[in-house]
Protein backbone atom coordinates (compact mmCIF):
# COMPACT_ATOMS: atom_id res chain seq x y z
CA GLY A 1 -90.33 57.43 15.42
CA GLY A 2 -89.28 59.24 12.30
CA PHE A 3 -88.15 56.08 10.52
CA GLY A 4 -91.41 54.24 11.20
CA LEU A 5 -90.88 50.49 11.04
CA LEU A 6 -87.12 50.04 11.04
CA VAL A 7 -84.54 47.27 10.64
CA VAL A 8 -80.98 47.88 11.81
CA ILE A 9 -78.30 45.38 10.83
CA ASP A 10 -75.03 45.21 12.77
CA HIS A 11 -72.24 44.29 10.35
CA GLY A 12 -69.47 44.33 12.97
CA ASP A 13 -66.42 46.60 13.09
CA GLY A 14 -68.71 49.47 14.12
CA TYR A 15 -70.81 49.42 10.93
CA THR A 16 -74.62 49.33 10.92
CA THR A 17 -77.16 49.77 8.15
CA TYR A 18 -80.62 51.26 8.66
CA TYR A 19 -83.68 50.41 6.58
CA GLY A 20 -86.65 52.64 7.39
CA HIS A 21 -90.27 53.49 6.50
CA LEU A 22 -91.00 49.77 6.09
CA ALA A 23 -94.47 48.27 5.64
CA GLN A 24 -93.68 44.87 7.15
CA LEU A 25 -90.73 43.41 9.03
CA LEU A 26 -89.66 39.90 8.05
CA VAL A 27 -86.91 39.49 10.66
CA GLU A 28 -86.79 39.61 14.46
CA VAL A 29 -84.48 41.35 16.92
CA GLY A 30 -81.25 39.38 17.30
CA GLN A 31 -81.85 37.24 14.22
CA PHE A 32 -78.84 36.42 12.01
CA VAL A 33 -79.44 37.47 8.39
CA GLU A 34 -77.68 36.36 5.24
CA ILE A 35 -76.69 38.18 2.06
CA GLY A 36 -79.69 38.33 -0.27
CA GLN A 37 -82.25 37.60 2.44
CA VAL A 38 -85.45 39.65 2.26
CA ILE A 39 -85.63 41.48 5.61
CA ALA A 40 -88.71 43.67 5.09
CA LEU A 41 -91.21 45.14 2.66
CA SER A 42 -90.86 48.79 1.71
CA GLY A 43 -93.60 51.14 2.81
CA ASN A 44 -94.68 54.54 4.06
CA THR A 45 -94.48 54.41 7.88
CA GLY A 46 -93.13 57.09 10.19
CA LEU A 47 -92.46 60.63 9.00
CA SER A 48 -92.78 59.90 5.29
CA THR A 49 -94.51 61.64 2.38
CA GLY A 50 -94.81 58.52 0.23
CA PRO A 51 -93.68 54.91 -0.12
CA HIS A 52 -89.89 54.57 -0.24
CA LEU A 53 -86.93 52.95 1.48
CA HIS A 54 -84.68 55.02 3.74
CA PHE A 55 -81.21 53.42 3.58
CA GLU A 56 -78.43 54.68 5.81
CA VAL A 57 -74.94 53.47 6.71
CA ARG A 58 -73.37 54.40 10.04
CA CYS A 59 -69.87 53.84 11.38
CA GLU A 60 -69.56 54.08 15.17
CA GLY A 61 -72.98 55.78 15.13
CA VAL A 62 -72.00 58.46 12.59
CA THR A 63 -73.79 58.55 9.23
CA VAL A 64 -71.39 57.96 6.32
CA ASP A 65 -71.71 58.07 2.53
CA PRO A 66 -72.75 54.53 1.47
CA LEU A 67 -70.61 54.80 -1.67
CA SER A 68 -67.52 55.12 0.51
CA VAL A 69 -68.06 51.71 2.15
CA LEU A 70 -70.12 49.52 -0.18
CA PRO A 71 -68.43 47.39 -2.86
């Protein structure tokens, strides 16, 4: 897909975060993750023009401004 290798974290209350274009995944589907845990290595997979991290926050499936929800 467009995101290439992708990790999606479900934070509860309808919030999910997306981490895309990754080079290597370090977590598995259904795995519990902790704050500060390395979940992947950034890369250039999917529809990407160079190495970078695509970070996205969604609420109930709708993309929202990360600055409106992150501390």
